[in-house]
Amino acid sequence: MMGNQMTYGLYGGGMWMFFHFIFWILVIIGVVLLIVWIVRQPHRYERGHGEESPLDVLRKRYARGEISKEEFERIKKDIL
């Protein structure tokens, strides 16, 4: 009888405590990963669901050489 209690105490209760510990570690890791994912998401509410601002588009067009410096300045003044 004593042997069965020792076996349960060493393996049954110990294993339950081990899995209980692992479960909570996984829950904590999951919460941390969720927070990191939320923080790293682009803030869609700032620019209308990830769209570029007109000034960003203008800067890219100027950088690609599609418009001259004079056109860039004129359009920039109209935008702002």
N, C-alpha and C. Protein backbone atom coordinates (compact mmCIF):
# COMPACT_ATOMS: atom_id res chain seq x y z
N MET A 1 0.83 -1.19 0.00
CA MET A 1 0.00 0.00 0.00
C MET A 1 0.87 1.26 0.00
N MET A 2 1.89 1.23 0.80
CA MET A 2 2.79 2.37 0.89
C MET A 2 3.49 2.60 -0.45
N GLY A 3 3.80 1.52 -1.16
CA GLY A 3 4.47 1.64 -2.44
C GLY A 3 3.62 2.37 -3.47
N ASN A 4 2.32 2.11 -3.47
CA ASN A 4 1.44 2.78 -4.42
C ASN A 4 1.36 4.27 -4.16
N GLN A 5 1.33 4.67 -2.92
CA GLN A 5 1.26 6.10 -2.60
C GLN A 5 2.55 6.80 -3.01
N MET A 6 3.65 6.14 -2.80
CA MET A 6 4.92 6.75 -3.19
C MET A 6 5.01 6.88 -4.71
N THR A 7 4.54 5.83 -5.40
CA THR A 7 4.58 5.87 -6.85
C THR A 7 3.69 7.00 -7.37
N TYR A 8 2.49 7.14 -6.82
CA TYR A 8 1.60 8.22 -7.24
C TYR A 8 2.21 9.57 -6.89
N GLY A 9 2.78 9.66 -5.71
CA GLY A 9 3.38 10.93 -5.29
C GLY A 9 4.54 11.33 -6.16
N LEU A 10 5.34 10.36 -6.59
CA LEU A 10 6.51 10.69 -7.41
C LEU A 10 6.14 10.93 -8.86
N TYR A 11 5.26 10.09 -9.39
CA TYR A 11 4.96 10.18 -10.81
C TYR A 11 3.64 10.89 -11.11
N GLY A 12 2.58 10.52 -10.43
CA GLY A 12 1.27 11.08 -10.71
C GLY A 12 1.19 12.56 -10.35
N GLY A 13 1.46 12.88 -9.09
CA GLY A 13 1.38 14.27 -8.65
C GLY A 13 2.48 15.13 -9.25
N GLY A 14 3.66 14.56 -9.36
CA GLY A 14 4.79 15.30 -9.93
C GLY A 14 4.58 15.62 -11.39
N MET A 15 4.03 14.66 -12.12
CA MET A 15 3.78 14.90 -13.54
C MET A 15 2.69 15.94 -13.72
N TRP A 16 1.66 15.89 -12.86
CA TRP A 16 0.59 16.88 -12.94
C TRP A 16 1.15 18.27 -12.69
N MET A 17 2.01 18.38 -11.69
CA MET A 17 2.60 19.68 -11.38
C MET A 17 3.49 20.15 -12.52
N PHE A 18 4.22 19.22 -13.15
CA PHE A 18 5.09 19.56 -14.28
C PHE A 18 4.25 20.10 -15.44
N PHE A 19 3.19 19.39 -15.81
CA PHE A 19 2.35 19.83 -16.92
C PHE A 19 1.59 21.12 -16.59
N HIS A 20 1.23 21.27 -15.33
CA HIS A 20 0.59 22.51 -14.89
C HIS A 20 1.56 23.68 -15.06
N PHE A 21 2.80 23.48 -14.67
CA PHE A 21 3.84 24.50 -14.82
C PHE A 21 4.06 24.82 -16.30
N ILE A 22 4.20 23.80 -17.13
CA ILE A 22 4.40 24.01 -18.57
C ILE A 22 3.22 24.74 -19.18
N PHE A 23 2.01 24.40 -18.78
CA PHE A 23 0.81 25.06 -19.29
C PHE A 23 0.88 26.56 -19.03
N TRP A 24 1.19 26.96 -17.81
CA TRP A 24 1.22 28.39 -17.49
C TRP A 24 2.38 29.10 -18.17
N ILE A 25 3.49 28.42 -18.36
CA ILE A 25 4.61 29.02 -19.11
C ILE A 25 4.16 29.28 -20.54
N LEU A 26 3.47 28.30 -21.16
CA LEU A 26 2.98 28.49 -22.53
C LEU A 26 1.95 29.61 -22.62
N VAL A 27 1.10 29.73 -21.61
CA VAL A 27 0.11 30.82 -21.60
C VAL A 27 0.82 32.17 -21.54
N ILE A 28 1.82 32.28 -20.68
CA ILE A 28 2.56 33.55 -20.54
C ILE A 28 3.29 33.87 -21.84
N ILE A 29 3.93 32.88 -22.45
CA ILE A 29 4.62 33.11 -23.72
C ILE A 29 3.62 33.54 -24.80
N GLY A 30 2.45 32.92 -24.83
CA GLY A 30 1.43 33.29 -25.80
C GLY A 30 0.96 34.72 -25.63
N VAL A 31 0.76 35.15 -24.39
CA VAL A 31 0.33 36.52 -24.13
C VAL A 31 1.41 37.50 -24.56
N VAL A 32 2.66 37.20 -24.24
CA VAL A 32 3.77 38.08 -24.64
C VAL A 32 3.85 38.18 -26.16
N LEU A 33 3.75 37.05 -26.85
CA LEU A 33 3.81 37.08 -28.32
C LEU A 33 2.63 37.85 -28.91
N LEU A 34 1.46 37.73 -28.32
CA LEU A 34 0.30 38.48 -28.79
C LEU A 34 0.53 39.99 -28.63
N ILE A 35 1.07 40.40 -27.50
CA ILE A 35 1.36 41.81 -27.27
C ILE A 35 2.39 42.32 -28.27
N VAL A 36 3.46 41.54 -28.51
CA VAL A 36 4.48 41.95 -29.47
C VAL A 36 3.88 42.07 -30.86
N TRP A 37 3.02 41.14 -31.25
CA TRP A 37 2.39 41.18 -32.57
C TRP A 37 1.51 42.42 -32.72
N ILE A 38 0.75 42.73 -31.68
CA ILE A 38 -0.14 43.90 -31.73
C ILE A 38 0.67 45.18 -31.84
N VAL A 39 1.76 45.27 -31.09
CA VAL A 39 2.58 46.49 -31.10
C VAL A 39 3.26 46.67 -32.45
N ARG A 40 3.67 45.59 -33.09
CA ARG A 40 4.39 45.70 -34.36
C ARG A 40 3.48 45.89 -35.57
N GLN A 41 2.18 45.79 -35.42
CA GLN A 41 1.26 46.00 -36.53
C GLN A 41 1.29 47.46 -36.95
N PRO A 42 1.23 47.72 -38.25
CA PRO A 42 1.17 49.12 -38.68
C PRO A 42 -0.12 49.75 -38.17
N HIS A 43 -0.03 50.97 -37.79
CA HIS A 43 -1.19 51.67 -37.25
C HIS A 43 -2.09 52.11 -38.40
N ARG A 44 -3.02 51.27 -38.76
CA ARG A 44 -3.87 51.52 -39.92
C ARG A 44 -4.79 52.70 -39.72
N TYR A 45 -5.08 53.03 -38.50
CA TYR A 45 -6.00 54.13 -38.25
C TYR A 45 -5.35 55.48 -38.50
N GLU A 46 -4.03 55.53 -38.63
CA GLU A 46 -3.35 56.81 -38.85
C GLU A 46 -3.50 57.31 -40.29
N ARG A 47 -3.45 56.39 -41.26
CA ARG A 47 -3.45 56.82 -42.65
C ARG A 47 -4.53 56.13 -43.47
N GLY A 48 -5.59 55.77 -42.91
CA GLY A 48 -6.66 55.17 -43.70
C GLY A 48 -6.33 53.79 -44.22
N HIS A 49 -6.06 52.87 -43.37
CA HIS A 49 -5.83 51.46 -43.70
C HIS A 49 -4.59 51.25 -44.56
N GLY A 50 -3.49 51.86 -44.19
CA GLY A 50 -2.22 51.58 -44.83
C GLY A 50 -1.97 52.30 -46.14
N GLU A 51 -2.82 53.21 -46.54
CA GLU A 51 -2.61 53.94 -47.79
C GLU A 51 -1.51 54.97 -47.61
N GLU A 52 -0.83 55.27 -48.70
CA GLU A 52 0.21 56.29 -48.66
C GLU A 52 -0.44 57.67 -48.71
N SER A 53 0.23 58.60 -48.07
CA SER A 53 -0.26 59.97 -48.13
C SER A 53 0.09 60.56 -49.50
N PRO A 54 -0.61 61.59 -49.91
CA PRO A 54 -0.29 62.22 -51.20
C PRO A 54 1.15 62.75 -51.25
N LEU A 55 1.64 63.22 -50.12
CA LEU A 55 3.02 63.72 -50.08
C LEU A 55 4.02 62.58 -50.29
N ASP A 56 3.74 61.40 -49.74
CA ASP A 56 4.62 60.24 -49.96
C ASP A 56 4.65 59.86 -51.43
N VAL A 57 3.49 59.87 -52.07
CA VAL A 57 3.42 59.53 -53.49
C VAL A 57 4.21 60.56 -54.30
N LEU A 58 4.05 61.82 -53.95
CA LEU A 58 4.78 62.89 -54.64
C LEU A 58 6.28 62.72 -54.48
N ARG A 59 6.73 62.42 -53.29
CA ARG A 59 8.18 62.22 -53.05
C ARG A 59 8.71 61.05 -53.86
N LYS A 60 7.94 59.97 -53.95
CA LYS A 60 8.39 58.82 -54.74
C LYS A 60 8.47 59.16 -56.22
N ARG A 61 7.49 59.91 -56.71
CA ARG A 61 7.51 60.30 -58.12
C ARG A 61 8.73 61.18 -58.42
N TYR A 62 9.05 62.07 -57.50
CA TYR A 62 10.23 62.94 -57.67
C TYR A 62 11.51 62.11 -57.62
N ALA A 63 11.57 61.15 -56.69
CA ALA A 63 12.76 60.31 -56.56
C ALA A 63 12.97 59.44 -57.80
N ARG A 64 11.89 59.01 -58.44
CA ARG A 64 12.01 58.20 -59.65
C ARG A 64 12.30 59.04 -60.89
N GLY A 65 12.24 60.34 -60.75
CA GLY A 65 12.53 61.22 -61.88
C GLY A 65 11.33 61.46 -62.78
N GLU A 66 10.14 61.17 -62.31
CA GLU A 66 8.95 61.37 -63.12
C GLU A 66 8.55 62.84 -63.21
N ILE A 67 8.92 63.63 -62.21
CA ILE A 67 8.58 65.06 -62.22
C ILE A 67 9.84 65.86 -61.88
N SER A 68 9.85 67.10 -62.32
CA SER A 68 10.99 67.97 -62.06
C SER A 68 10.88 68.59 -60.67
N LYS A 69 11.95 69.27 -60.24
CA LYS A 69 11.96 69.92 -58.94
C LYS A 69 10.90 71.02 -58.88
N GLU A 70 10.72 71.74 -59.97
CA GLU A 70 9.72 72.80 -59.99
C GLU A 70 8.31 72.22 -59.84
N GLU A 71 8.05 71.14 -60.57
CA GLU A 71 6.74 70.49 -60.45
C GLU A 71 6.53 69.96 -59.03
N PHE A 72 7.59 69.37 -58.47
CA PHE A 72 7.50 68.84 -57.11
C PHE A 72 7.11 69.95 -56.13
N GLU A 73 7.81 71.08 -56.22
CA GLU A 73 7.54 72.19 -55.29
C GLU A 73 6.13 72.75 -55.49
N ARG A 74 5.71 72.88 -56.74
CA ARG A 74 4.37 73.42 -57.02
C ARG A 74 3.28 72.50 -56.49
N ILE A 75 3.41 71.21 -56.75
CA ILE A 75 2.40 70.25 -56.29
C ILE A 75 2.43 70.15 -54.76
N LYS A 76 3.62 70.18 -54.20
CA LYS A 76 3.76 70.11 -52.73
C LYS A 76 3.05 71.29 -52.08
N LYS A 77 3.18 72.47 -52.68
CA LYS A 77 2.50 73.66 -52.14
C LYS A 77 0.99 73.49 -52.23
N ASP A 78 0.50 72.89 -53.32
CA ASP A 78 -0.94 72.65 -53.45
C ASP A 78 -1.44 71.63 -52.44
N ILE A 79 -0.64 70.61 -52.16
CA ILE A 79 -1.04 69.55 -51.22
C ILE A 79 -1.12 70.11 -49.79
N LEU A 80 -0.07 70.84 -49.44
CA LEU A 80 -0.01 71.35 -48.06
C LEU A 80 -0.78 72.63 -47.98
